Amino acid sequence: MALKSAKRKKHIQNPWGGFFFVLPSILAMAIFVYGMIGWTLKFSFSNRTSAWKKDNSFAGVARYTELLDDPEFTHAFSNLLKFTIVFMIGTMISGLIMSLLLEKGIKGEGFFRSTYLYPMAISFIAMGTSWRWLMDSAKGPKATGLNLIFDKMHLNFLENTWYTSIKGSMFAMALPAIWQMSGYVMALFLAGFRGIPDDLREAARVDGASEYKIYRHILFPQLSPTFLTVLIILGHISMKVFDLIYGIASKGYVTKVLAIYMWQVIFDFQNYAKGAAIAVVILVMIAVVVIPYLIYVNKTEEAK
């Protein structure tokens, strides 16, 4: 009996059993993630600039140098930077404020948490369709959406051209993204606050520290890992934004970002090599943000 139990235990501890269990996932990731990345990288160094002329010969970095001289690429890149900055700052501030309002356990907290998180349940493309109506640029008698609300409230000075203006287009595009992601950021910060022991607060109060000093010198420093996580998540989302902007403004020049331009180059202009080069640029931007964070997390876990 003891011999059978030992054999069974040895069989359970066999590492090959776990390997074969995850093998389908490994193969799927190797083919559909890393394989597709390699295929895209290969195309970005080719001469495949037409759907009809299947020239896959090696072109070196010609497609990348072509991007530097492309005014539409630089315009889309500039728009992406503007969107990223406004989106990250706005979402961080609004999410932090909402978490501060809830972190002391107010009455009806469950209702407010659900309300703040509800926008996360809406897809970007569906939300973009709604916000396209809300941010209609018509003013006066023809106003709709937000401009109509401002007109009815006699706040005409707040009426705006929204995403149709070159100067303010990306700031307007960031509004629905902030509205959707603020609840998620609130949940992350709230979890961070709840993870701080109450003993730290009580000890600070006993020493005569004000609430401002407690937050400034005790609570916020404890939230630094959460701040970093939020920055990485928001940066990753903003750099590959596509469906929100496509749902609101389609492929318009004023609001064009890298993902939209990549779509145009590949499917409208049939320039596969250039589109692949844009995809690689987006991938590198995301990797520059995400990889250092993953290294930091691994080192932190090893230290613990």
C-alpha atoms as a PDB file:
ATOM      1  CA  MET A   1       0.000   0.000   0.000  1.00  0.00           C
ATOM      2  CA  ALA A   2       2.820   2.381   0.950  1.00  0.00           C
ATOM      3  CA  LEU A   3       4.652   1.456  -2.286  1.00  0.00           C
ATOM      4  CA  LYS A   4       1.597   2.336  -4.389  1.00  0.00           C
ATOM      5  CA  SER A   5       1.238   5.644  -2.546  1.00  0.00           C
ATOM      6  CA  ALA A   6       4.895   6.513  -3.189  1.00  0.00           C
ATOM      7  CA  LYS A   7       4.548   5.690  -6.895  1.00  0.00           C
ATOM      8  CA  ARG A   8       1.396   7.788  -7.143  1.00  0.00           C
ATOM      9  CA  LYS A   9       3.141  10.722  -5.426  1.00  0.00           C
ATOM     10  CA  LYS A  10       6.115  10.416  -7.769  1.00  0.00           C
ATOM     11  CA  HIS A  11       3.776  10.359 -10.749  1.00  0.00           C
ATOM     12  CA  ILE A  12       1.972  13.495  -9.543  1.00  0.00           C
ATOM     13  CA  GLN A  13       5.271  15.346  -9.043  1.00  0.00           C
ATOM     14  CA  ASN A  14       6.443  14.503 -12.552  1.00  0.00           C
ATOM     15  CA  PRO A  15       7.159  17.881 -14.216  1.00  0.00           C
ATOM     16  CA  TRP A  16       6.345  16.531 -17.687  1.00  0.00           C
ATOM     17  CA  GLY A  17       2.693  16.214 -16.733  1.00  0.00           C
ATOM     18  CA  GLY A  18       2.415  19.961 -16.152  1.00  0.00           C
ATOM     19  CA  PHE A  19       4.385  20.693 -19.323  1.00  0.00           C
ATOM     20  CA  PHE A  20       2.027  18.700 -21.540  1.00  0.00           C
ATOM     21  CA  PHE A  21      -0.927  20.342 -19.817  1.00  0.00           C
ATOM     22  CA  VAL A  22       0.222  23.859 -20.846  1.00  0.00           C
ATOM     23  CA  LEU A  23       1.730  22.775 -24.187  1.00  0.00           C
ATOM     24  CA  PRO A  24      -1.338  23.853 -26.270  1.00  0.00           C
ATOM     25  CA  SER A  25      -1.148  27.350 -24.763  1.00  0.00           C
ATOM     26  CA  ILE A  26       2.594  27.526 -25.428  1.00  0.00           C
ATOM     27  CA  LEU A  27       2.117  26.499 -29.062  1.00  0.00           C
ATOM     28  CA  ALA A  28      -0.751  28.962 -29.563  1.00  0.00           C
ATOM     29  CA  MET A  29       1.315  31.803 -28.117  1.00  0.00           C
ATOM     30  CA  ALA A  30       4.375  30.825 -30.139  1.00  0.00           C
ATOM     31  CA  ILE A  31       2.397  30.849 -33.386  1.00  0.00           C
ATOM     32  CA  PHE A  32      -0.180  33.593 -32.956  1.00  0.00           C
ATOM     33  CA  VAL A  33       1.850  36.035 -30.822  1.00  0.00           C
ATOM     34  CA  TYR A  34       5.589  35.662 -31.358  1.00  0.00           C
ATOM     35  CA  GLY A  35       5.170  34.112 -34.786  1.00  0.00           C
ATOM     36  CA  MET A  36       3.018  37.024 -35.956  1.00  0.00           C
ATOM     37  CA  ILE A  37       5.482  39.517 -34.444  1.00  0.00           C
ATOM     38  CA  GLY A  38       8.308  37.857 -36.370  1.00  0.00           C
ATOM     39  CA  TRP A  39       6.246  37.838 -39.559  1.00  0.00           C
ATOM     40  CA  THR A  40       5.448  41.548 -39.158  1.00  0.00           C
ATOM     41  CA  LEU A  41       9.084  42.378 -38.446  1.00  0.00           C
ATOM     42  CA  LYS A  42      10.146  40.505 -41.593  1.00  0.00           C
ATOM     43  CA  PHE A  43       7.596  42.409 -43.695  1.00  0.00           C
ATOM     44  CA  SER A  44       8.794  45.755 -42.298  1.00  0.00           C
ATOM     45  CA  PHE A  45      12.241  45.110 -43.824  1.00  0.00           C
ATOM     46  CA  SER A  46      10.839  44.128 -47.235  1.00  0.00           C
ATOM     47  CA  ASN A  47       9.875  45.919 -50.453  1.00  0.00           C
ATOM     48  CA  ARG A  48       6.243  44.761 -50.297  1.00  0.00           C
ATOM     49  CA  THR A  49       4.771  48.202 -51.041  1.00  0.00           C
ATOM     50  CA  SER A  50       1.858  46.976 -53.134  1.00  0.00           C
ATOM     51  CA  ALA A  51      -0.808  44.293 -52.944  1.00  0.00           C
ATOM     52  CA  TRP A  52      -0.282  43.485 -56.619  1.00  0.00           C
ATOM     53  CA  LYS A  53       3.526  43.482 -56.779  1.00  0.00           C
ATOM     54  CA  LYS A  54       4.525  40.759 -54.361  1.00  0.00           C
ATOM     55  CA  ASP A  55       8.112  41.901 -53.892  1.00  0.00           C
ATOM     56  CA  ASN A  56       9.300  40.493 -50.574  1.00  0.00           C
ATOM     57  CA  SER A  57      12.987  41.233 -51.177  1.00  0.00           C
ATOM     58  CA  PHE A  58      15.045  42.720 -48.351  1.00  0.00           C
ATOM     59  CA  ALA A  59      14.937  46.528 -48.189  1.00  0.00           C
ATOM     60  CA  GLY A  60      16.825  47.166 -44.950  1.00  0.00           C
ATOM     61  CA  VAL A  61      15.587  50.104 -42.894  1.00  0.00           C
ATOM     62  CA  ALA A  62      14.139  51.928 -45.917  1.00  0.00           C
ATOM     63  CA  ARG A  63      10.577  51.663 -44.596  1.00  0.00           C
ATOM     64  CA  TYR A  64      11.613  53.157 -41.256  1.00  0.00           C
ATOM     65  CA  THR A  65      13.508  56.072 -42.774  1.00  0.00           C
ATOM     66  CA  GLU A  66      10.485  56.620 -45.000  1.00  0.00           C
ATOM     67  CA  LEU A  67       8.359  57.074 -41.885  1.00  0.00           C
ATOM     68  CA  LEU A  68      10.633  59.833 -40.590  1.00  0.00           C
ATOM     69  CA  ASP A  69      10.048  61.797 -43.792  1.00  0.00           C
ATOM     70  CA  ASP A  70       6.299  61.164 -43.792  1.00  0.00           C
ATOM     71  CA  PRO A  71       4.351  64.211 -42.483  1.00  0.00           C
ATOM     72  CA  GLU A  72       1.259  62.068 -41.799  1.00  0.00           C
ATOM     73  CA  PHE A  73       3.308  59.742 -39.593  1.00  0.00           C
ATOM     74  CA  THR A  74       4.776  62.629 -37.577  1.00  0.00           C
ATOM     75  CA  HIS A  75       1.283  64.156 -37.283  1.00  0.00           C
ATOM     76  CA  ALA A  76      -0.174  60.859 -36.027  1.00  0.00           C
ATOM     77  CA  PHE A  77       2.747  60.445 -33.610  1.00  0.00           C
ATOM     78  CA  SER A  78       2.246  63.974 -32.266  1.00  0.00           C
ATOM     79  CA  ASN A  79      -1.479  63.323 -31.802  1.00  0.00           C
ATOM     80  CA  LEU A  80      -0.711  60.119 -29.919  1.00  0.00           C
ATOM     81  CA  LEU A  81       1.632  61.935 -27.531  1.00  0.00           C
ATOM     82  CA  LYS A  82      -0.999  64.609 -26.828  1.00  0.00           C
ATOM     83  CA  PHE A  83      -3.670  61.987 -26.229  1.00  0.00           C
ATOM     84  CA  THR A  84      -1.386  59.958 -23.958  1.00  0.00           C
ATOM     85  CA  ILE A  85      -0.414  62.919 -21.783  1.00  0.00           C
ATOM     86  CA  VAL A  86      -3.971  64.232 -21.325  1.00  0.00           C
ATOM     87  CA  PHE A  87      -5.441  60.748 -20.875  1.00  0.00           C
ATOM     88  CA  MET A  88      -2.903  59.628 -18.277  1.00  0.00           C
ATOM     89  CA  ILE A  89      -2.966  62.834 -16.227  1.00  0.00           C
ATOM     90  CA  GLY A  90      -6.762  63.164 -16.341  1.00  0.00           C
ATOM     91  CA  THR A  91      -7.401  59.517 -15.475  1.00  0.00           C
ATOM     92  CA  MET A  92      -4.857  59.493 -12.649  1.00  0.00           C
ATOM     93  CA  ILE A  93      -6.302  62.631 -11.041  1.00  0.00           C
ATOM     94  CA  SER A  94      -9.970  61.641 -11.387  1.00  0.00           C
ATOM     95  CA  GLY A  95      -9.343  58.057 -10.252  1.00  0.00           C
ATOM     96  CA  LEU A  96      -7.344  59.238  -7.241  1.00  0.00           C
ATOM     97  CA  ILE A  97     -10.042  61.736  -6.236  1.00  0.00           C
ATOM     98  CA  MET A  98     -12.762  59.080  -6.423  1.00  0.00           C
ATOM     99  CA  SER A  99     -10.667  56.663  -4.361  1.00  0.00           C
ATOM    100  CA  LEU A 100     -10.070  59.353  -1.720  1.00  0.00           C
ATOM    101  CA  LEU A 101     -13.826  59.893  -1.477  1.00  0.00           C
ATOM    102  CA  LEU A 102     -14.458  56.185  -0.918  1.00  0.00           C
ATOM    103  CA  GLU A 103     -11.441  54.959   0.993  1.00  0.00           C
ATOM    104  CA  LYS A 104     -12.831  55.832   4.446  1.00  0.00           C
ATOM    105  CA  GLY A 105     -15.889  53.667   3.892  1.00  0.00           C
ATOM    106  CA  ILE A 106     -18.763  56.054   3.199  1.00  0.00           C
ATOM    107  CA  LYS A 107     -22.399  54.995   3.294  1.00  0.00           C
ATOM    108  CA  GLY A 108     -23.502  53.431   0.012  1.00  0.00           C
ATOM    109  CA  GLU A 109     -19.930  52.671  -1.042  1.00  0.00           C
ATOM    110  CA  GLY A 110     -20.976  49.605  -3.034  1.00  0.00           C
ATOM    111  CA  PHE A 111     -23.361  51.683  -5.129  1.00  0.00           C
ATOM    112  CA  PHE A 112     -20.728  54.319  -5.878  1.00  0.00           C
ATOM    113  CA  ARG A 113     -18.091  51.696  -6.709  1.00  0.00           C
ATOM    114  CA  SER A 114     -20.456  50.039  -9.181  1.00  0.00           C
ATOM    115  CA  THR A 115     -21.378  53.406 -10.696  1.00  0.00           C
ATOM    116  CA  TYR A 116     -17.740  54.425 -11.158  1.00  0.00           C
ATOM    117  CA  LEU A 117     -16.805  51.040 -12.630  1.00  0.00           C
ATOM    118  CA  TYR A 118     -19.809  50.776 -14.952  1.00  0.00           C
ATOM    119  CA  PRO A 119     -18.129  52.550 -17.930  1.00  0.00           C
ATOM    120  CA  MET A 120     -15.541  49.747 -17.972  1.00  0.00           C
ATOM    121  CA  ALA A 121     -18.306  47.386 -19.120  1.00  0.00           C
ATOM    122  CA  ILE A 122     -18.824  49.405 -22.319  1.00  0.00           C
ATOM    123  CA  SER A 123     -16.634  48.670 -25.303  1.00  0.00           C
ATOM    124  CA  PHE A 124     -14.562  51.495 -26.753  1.00  0.00           C
ATOM    125  CA  ILE A 125     -16.310  51.283 -30.123  1.00  0.00           C
ATOM    126  CA  ALA A 126     -19.804  51.489 -28.577  1.00  0.00           C
ATOM    127  CA  MET A 127     -18.708  54.326 -26.338  1.00  0.00           C
ATOM    128  CA  GLY A 128     -17.148  56.101 -29.299  1.00  0.00           C
ATOM    129  CA  THR A 129     -20.469  56.021 -31.156  1.00  0.00           C
ATOM    130  CA  SER A 130     -22.211  57.660 -28.186  1.00  0.00           C
ATOM    131  CA  TRP A 131     -19.529  60.277 -27.646  1.00  0.00           C
ATOM    132  CA  ARG A 132     -19.534  61.162 -31.334  1.00  0.00           C
ATOM    133  CA  TRP A 133     -23.075  62.478 -30.790  1.00  0.00           C
ATOM    134  CA  LEU A 134     -22.216  64.078 -27.435  1.00  0.00           C
ATOM    135  CA  MET A 135     -19.261  65.961 -28.941  1.00  0.00           C
ATOM    136  CA  ASP A 136     -21.054  67.205 -32.032  1.00  0.00           C
ATOM    137  CA  SER A 137     -19.485  70.510 -33.079  1.00  0.00           C
ATOM    138  CA  ALA A 138     -22.749  72.232 -34.129  1.00  0.00           C
ATOM    139  CA  LYS A 139     -23.600  75.330 -32.101  1.00  0.00           C
ATOM    140  CA  GLY A 140     -26.624  77.543 -31.565  1.00  0.00           C
ATOM    141  CA  PRO A 141     -30.032  76.305 -32.826  1.00  0.00           C
ATOM    142  CA  LYS A 142     -28.417  73.247 -34.461  1.00  0.00           C
ATOM    143  CA  ALA A 143     -26.529  72.213 -31.328  1.00  0.00           C
ATOM    144  CA  THR A 144     -26.795  68.638 -30.011  1.00  0.00           C
ATOM    145  CA  GLY A 145     -25.148  66.686 -27.259  1.00  0.00           C
ATOM    146  CA  LEU A 146     -22.978  68.635 -24.837  1.00  0.00           C
ATOM    147  CA  ASN A 147     -23.287  71.875 -26.788  1.00  0.00           C
ATOM    148  CA  LEU A 148     -27.092  71.653 -26.524  1.00  0.00           C
ATOM    149  CA  ILE A 149     -26.827  71.132 -22.757  1.00  0.00           C
ATOM    150  CA  PHE A 150     -24.569  74.174 -22.439  1.00  0.00           C
ATOM    151  CA  ASP A 151     -26.966  76.211 -24.581  1.00  0.00           C
ATOM    152  CA  LYS A 152     -29.998  75.247 -22.458  1.00  0.00           C
ATOM    153  CA  MET A 153     -28.097  76.146 -19.294  1.00  0.00           C
ATOM    154  CA  HIS A 154     -27.074  79.512 -20.826  1.00  0.00           C
ATOM    155  CA  LEU A 155     -23.414  78.493 -20.656  1.00  0.00           C
ATOM    156  CA  ASN A 156     -22.743  79.230 -24.301  1.00  0.00           C
ATOM    157  CA  PHE A 157     -19.116  80.105 -23.595  1.00  0.00           C
ATOM    158  CA  LEU A 158     -18.535  76.379 -22.916  1.00  0.00           C
ATOM    159  CA  GLU A 159     -19.732  75.335 -26.388  1.00  0.00           C
ATOM    160  CA  ASN A 160     -16.880  73.776 -28.277  1.00  0.00           C
ATOM    161  CA  THR A 161     -15.895  72.425 -31.665  1.00  0.00           C
ATOM    162  CA  TRP A 162     -14.524  69.376 -29.826  1.00  0.00           C
ATOM    163  CA  TYR A 163     -12.686  66.845 -31.991  1.00  0.00           C
ATOM    164  CA  THR A 164     -13.083  68.830 -35.242  1.00  0.00           C
ATOM    165  CA  SER A 165     -10.577  71.465 -34.091  1.00  0.00           C
ATOM    166  CA  ILE A 166      -6.893  70.824 -34.798  1.00  0.00           C
ATOM    167  CA  LYS A 167      -5.765  72.450 -31.553  1.00  0.00           C
ATOM    168  CA  GLY A 168      -8.204  70.747 -29.214  1.00  0.00           C
ATOM    169  CA  SER A 169      -8.998  67.513 -31.035  1.00  0.00           C
ATOM    170  CA  MET A 170      -6.868  65.154 -28.944  1.00  0.00           C
ATOM    171  CA  PHE A 171      -7.920  66.804 -25.679  1.00  0.00           C
ATOM    172  CA  ALA A 172     -11.532  66.129 -26.667  1.00  0.00           C
ATOM    173  CA  MET A 173     -10.652  62.540 -27.626  1.00  0.00           C
ATOM    174  CA  ALA A 174      -9.170  61.990 -24.184  1.00  0.00           C
ATOM    175  CA  LEU A 175     -12.448  62.906 -22.420  1.00  0.00           C
ATOM    176  CA  PRO A 176     -14.346  59.657 -23.132  1.00  0.00           C
ATOM    177  CA  ALA A 177     -11.224  57.618 -22.413  1.00  0.00           C
ATOM    178  CA  ILE A 178     -10.836  59.344 -19.044  1.00  0.00           C
ATOM    179  CA  TRP A 179     -14.531  58.782 -18.327  1.00  0.00           C
ATOM    180  CA  GLN A 180     -14.212  55.063 -19.023  1.00  0.00           C
ATOM    181  CA  MET A 181     -10.930  54.292 -17.243  1.00  0.00           C
ATOM    182  CA  SER A 182     -11.266  56.499 -14.149  1.00  0.00           C
ATOM    183  CA  GLY A 183     -13.337  53.870 -12.348  1.00  0.00           C
ATOM    184  CA  TYR A 184     -10.710  51.207 -12.980  1.00  0.00           C
ATOM    185  CA  VAL A 185      -7.954  53.464 -11.656  1.00  0.00           C
ATOM    186  CA  MET A 186     -10.175  54.274  -8.665  1.00  0.00           C
ATOM    187  CA  ALA A 187     -10.445  50.550  -7.892  1.00  0.00           C
ATOM    188  CA  LEU A 188      -6.648  50.125  -8.033  1.00  0.00           C
ATOM    189  CA  PHE A 189      -6.013  53.092  -5.738  1.00  0.00           C
ATOM    190  CA  LEU A 190      -8.799  52.009  -3.387  1.00  0.00           C
ATOM    191  CA  ALA A 191      -7.246  48.550  -3.096  1.00  0.00           C
ATOM    192  CA  GLY A 192      -3.920  50.231  -2.368  1.00  0.00           C
ATOM    193  CA  PHE A 193      -5.429  52.373   0.393  1.00  0.00           C
ATOM    194  CA  ARG A 194      -7.187  49.371   1.931  1.00  0.00           C
ATOM    195  CA  GLY A 195      -3.901  47.458   1.956  1.00  0.00           C
ATOM    196  CA  ILE A 196      -2.233  50.018   4.250  1.00  0.00           C
ATOM    197  CA  PRO A 197      -2.504  48.996   7.930  1.00  0.00           C
ATOM    198  CA  ASP A 198      -4.682  51.271  10.065  1.00  0.00           C
ATOM    199  CA  ASP A 199      -1.988  51.191  12.751  1.00  0.00           C
ATOM    200  CA  LEU A 200       0.127  53.583  10.685  1.00  0.00           C
ATOM    201  CA  ARG A 201      -2.654  56.162  10.611  1.00  0.00           C
ATOM    202  CA  GLU A 202      -3.430  55.805  14.294  1.00  0.00           C
ATOM    203  CA  ALA A 203       0.235  56.157  15.252  1.00  0.00           C
ATOM    204  CA  ALA A 204       0.528  59.312  13.143  1.00  0.00           C
ATOM    205  CA  ARG A 205      -2.615  60.794  14.714  1.00  0.00           C
ATOM    206  CA  VAL A 206      -1.270  60.063  18.188  1.00  0.00           C
ATOM    207  CA  ASP A 207       1.902  61.950  17.257  1.00  0.00           C
ATOM    208  CA  GLY A 208      -0.253  64.938  16.274  1.00  0.00           C
ATOM    209  CA  ALA A 209      -0.040  64.650  12.485  1.00  0.00           C
ATOM    210  CA  SER A 210      -2.818  66.323  10.500  1.00  0.00           C
ATOM    211  CA  GLU A 211      -4.821  64.437   7.874  1.00  0.00           C
ATOM    212  CA  TYR A 212      -2.898  66.236   5.137  1.00  0.00           C
ATOM    213  CA  LYS A 213       0.445  65.114   6.575  1.00  0.00           C
ATOM    214  CA  ILE A 214      -0.841  61.565   7.016  1.00  0.00           C
ATOM    215  CA  TYR A 215      -1.696  61.373   3.322  1.00  0.00           C
ATOM    216  CA  ARG A 216       1.387  63.292   2.194  1.00  0.00           C
ATOM    217  CA  HIS A 217       4.032  61.478   4.236  1.00  0.00           C
ATOM    218  CA  ILE A 218       2.488  58.067   5.021  1.00  0.00           C
ATOM    219  CA  LEU A 219      -0.283  56.968   2.673  1.00  0.00           C
ATOM    220  CA  PHE A 220       0.877  58.317  -0.695  1.00  0.00           C
ATOM    221  CA  PRO A 221       4.445  56.917  -0.339  1.00  0.00           C
ATOM    222  CA  GLN A 222       2.876  53.523   0.418  1.00  0.00           C
ATOM    223  CA  LEU A 223       0.952  53.797  -2.872  1.00  0.00           C
ATOM    224  CA  SER A 224       4.053  54.208  -5.057  1.00  0.00           C
ATOM    225  CA  PRO A 225       3.798  50.629  -6.480  1.00  0.00           C
ATOM    226  CA  THR A 226       0.140  51.288  -7.305  1.00  0.00           C
ATOM    227  CA  PHE A 227       1.030  54.569  -9.004  1.00  0.00           C
ATOM    228  CA  LEU A 228       3.603  52.749 -11.123  1.00  0.00           C
ATOM    229  CA  THR A 229       1.127  50.018 -12.060  1.00  0.00           C
ATOM    230  CA  VAL A 230      -1.484  52.600 -13.067  1.00  0.00           C
ATOM    231  CA  LEU A 231       1.028  54.506 -15.197  1.00  0.00           C
ATOM    232  CA  ILE A 232       2.072  51.353 -17.046  1.00  0.00           C
ATOM    233  CA  ILE A 233      -1.513  50.203 -17.686  1.00  0.00           C
ATOM    234  CA  LEU A 234      -2.673  53.626 -18.892  1.00  0.00           C
ATOM    235  CA  GLY A 235       0.427  54.101 -21.049  1.00  0.00           C
ATOM    236  CA  HIS A 236      -0.084  50.714 -22.677  1.00  0.00           C
ATOM    237  CA  ILE A 237      -3.758  51.456 -23.390  1.00  0.00           C
ATOM    238  CA  SER A 238      -3.117  54.912 -24.828  1.00  0.00           C
ATOM    239  CA  MET A 239      -0.278  53.909 -27.149  1.00  0.00           C
ATOM    240  CA  LYS A 240      -2.385  51.353 -29.028  1.00  0.00           C
ATOM    241  CA  VAL A 241      -5.674  53.275 -28.957  1.00  0.00           C
ATOM    242  CA  PHE A 242      -7.720  52.629 -32.093  1.00  0.00           C
ATOM    243  CA  ASP A 243     -11.385  51.728 -31.602  1.00  0.00           C
ATOM    244  CA  LEU A 244     -12.318  54.778 -29.507  1.00  0.00           C
ATOM    245  CA  ILE A 245     -10.959  57.250 -32.031  1.00  0.00           C
ATOM    246  CA  TYR A 246     -12.277  55.252 -34.978  1.00  0.00           C
ATOM    247  CA  GLY A 247     -15.742  55.143 -33.385  1.00  0.00           C
ATOM    248  CA  ILE A 248     -15.802  58.921 -32.891  1.00  0.00           C
ATOM    249  CA  ALA A 249     -13.989  60.373 -35.892  1.00  0.00           C
ATOM    250  CA  SER A 250     -13.304  57.386 -38.168  1.00  0.00           C
ATOM    251  CA  LYS A 251     -10.080  57.958 -40.155  1.00  0.00           C
ATOM    252  CA  GLY A 252     -10.123  61.757 -40.133  1.00  0.00           C
ATOM    253  CA  TYR A 253      -6.781  63.535 -40.427  1.00  0.00           C
ATOM    254  CA  VAL A 254      -7.335  65.818 -37.435  1.00  0.00           C
ATOM    255  CA  THR A 255      -7.577  62.964 -34.914  1.00  0.00           C
ATOM    256  CA  LYS A 256      -5.326  60.438 -36.625  1.00  0.00           C
ATOM    257  CA  VAL A 257      -3.014  58.394 -34.380  1.00  0.00           C
ATOM    258  CA  LEU A 258      -0.496  55.677 -35.236  1.00  0.00           C
ATOM    259  CA  ALA A 259      -2.941  52.758 -35.067  1.00  0.00           C
ATOM    260  CA  ILE A 260      -5.402  54.565 -37.351  1.00  0.00           C
ATOM    261  CA  TYR A 261      -2.629  55.463 -39.795  1.00  0.00           C
ATOM    262  CA  MET A 262      -1.370  51.867 -39.780  1.00  0.00           C
ATOM    263  CA  TRP A 263      -4.886  50.685 -40.668  1.00  0.00           C
ATOM    264  CA  GLN A 264      -5.033  53.142 -43.570  1.00  0.00           C
ATOM    265  CA  VAL A 265      -1.601  52.251 -44.912  1.00  0.00           C
ATOM    266  CA  ILE A 266      -2.285  48.509 -44.878  1.00  0.00           C
ATOM    267  CA  PHE A 267      -5.936  48.280 -45.929  1.00  0.00           C
ATOM    268  CA  ASP A 268      -6.549  51.500 -47.874  1.00  0.00           C
ATOM    269  CA  PHE A 269      -3.149  52.053 -49.499  1.00  0.00           C
ATOM    270  CA  GLN A 270      -2.159  48.338 -49.586  1.00  0.00           C
ATOM    271  CA  ASN A 271       1.381  49.226 -48.506  1.00  0.00           C
ATOM    272  CA  TYR A 272       2.110  46.198 -46.354  1.00  0.00           C
ATOM    273  CA  ALA A 273       5.777  46.892 -45.627  1.00  0.00           C
ATOM    274  CA  LYS A 274       5.155  50.442 -44.423  1.00  0.00           C
ATOM    275  CA  GLY A 275       2.162  49.341 -42.359  1.00  0.00           C
ATOM    276  CA  ALA A 276       4.292  46.621 -40.771  1.00  0.00           C
ATOM    277  CA  ALA A 277       6.951  49.212 -39.942  1.00  0.00           C
ATOM    278  CA  ILE A 278       4.340  51.361 -38.170  1.00  0.00           C
ATOM    279  CA  ALA A 279       3.156  48.279 -36.244  1.00  0.00           C
ATOM    280  CA  VAL A 280       6.737  47.586 -35.136  1.00  0.00           C
ATOM    281  CA  VAL A 281       7.115  51.194 -33.970  1.00  0.00           C
ATOM    282  CA  ILE A 282       3.963  50.847 -31.846  1.00  0.00           C
ATOM    283  CA  LEU A 283       5.235  47.523 -30.466  1.00  0.00           C
ATOM    284  CA  VAL A 284       8.608  49.046 -29.528  1.00  0.00           C
ATOM    285  CA  MET A 285       6.894  51.973 -27.788  1.00  0.00           C
ATOM    286  CA  ILE A 286       4.792  49.585 -25.711  1.00  0.00           C
ATOM    287  CA  ALA A 287       7.804  47.372 -24.963  1.00  0.00           C
ATOM    288  CA  VAL A 288       9.818  50.364 -23.728  1.00  0.00           C
ATOM    289  CA  VAL A 289       7.060  51.018 -21.198  1.00  0.00           C
ATOM    290  CA  VAL A 290       6.115  47.469 -20.199  1.00  0.00           C
ATOM    291  CA  ILE A 291       9.420  45.542 -20.102  1.00  0.00           C
ATOM    292  CA  PRO A 292      11.144  47.708 -17.425  1.00  0.00           C
ATOM    293  CA  TYR A 293       7.998  47.376 -15.319  1.00  0.00           C
ATOM    294  CA  LEU A 294       8.024  43.569 -15.632  1.00  0.00           C
ATOM    295  CA  ILE A 295      11.706  43.505 -14.651  1.00  0.00           C
ATOM    296  CA  TYR A 296      10.941  45.702 -11.643  1.00  0.00           C
ATOM    297  CA  VAL A 297       8.050  43.457 -10.553  1.00  0.00           C
ATOM    298  CA  ASN A 298      10.166  40.298 -10.874  1.00  0.00           C
ATOM    299  CA  LYS A 299      12.994  41.815  -8.840  1.00  0.00           C
ATOM    300  CA  THR A 300      10.537  42.984  -6.184  1.00  0.00           C
ATOM    301  CA  GLU A 301       8.971  39.524  -5.897  1.00  0.00           C
ATOM    302  CA  GLU A 302      12.392  37.874  -5.678  1.00  0.00           C
ATOM    303  CA  ALA A 303      13.423  40.300  -2.938  1.00  0.00           C
ATOM    304  CA  LYS A 304      10.289  39.450  -0.956  1.00  0.00           C
END
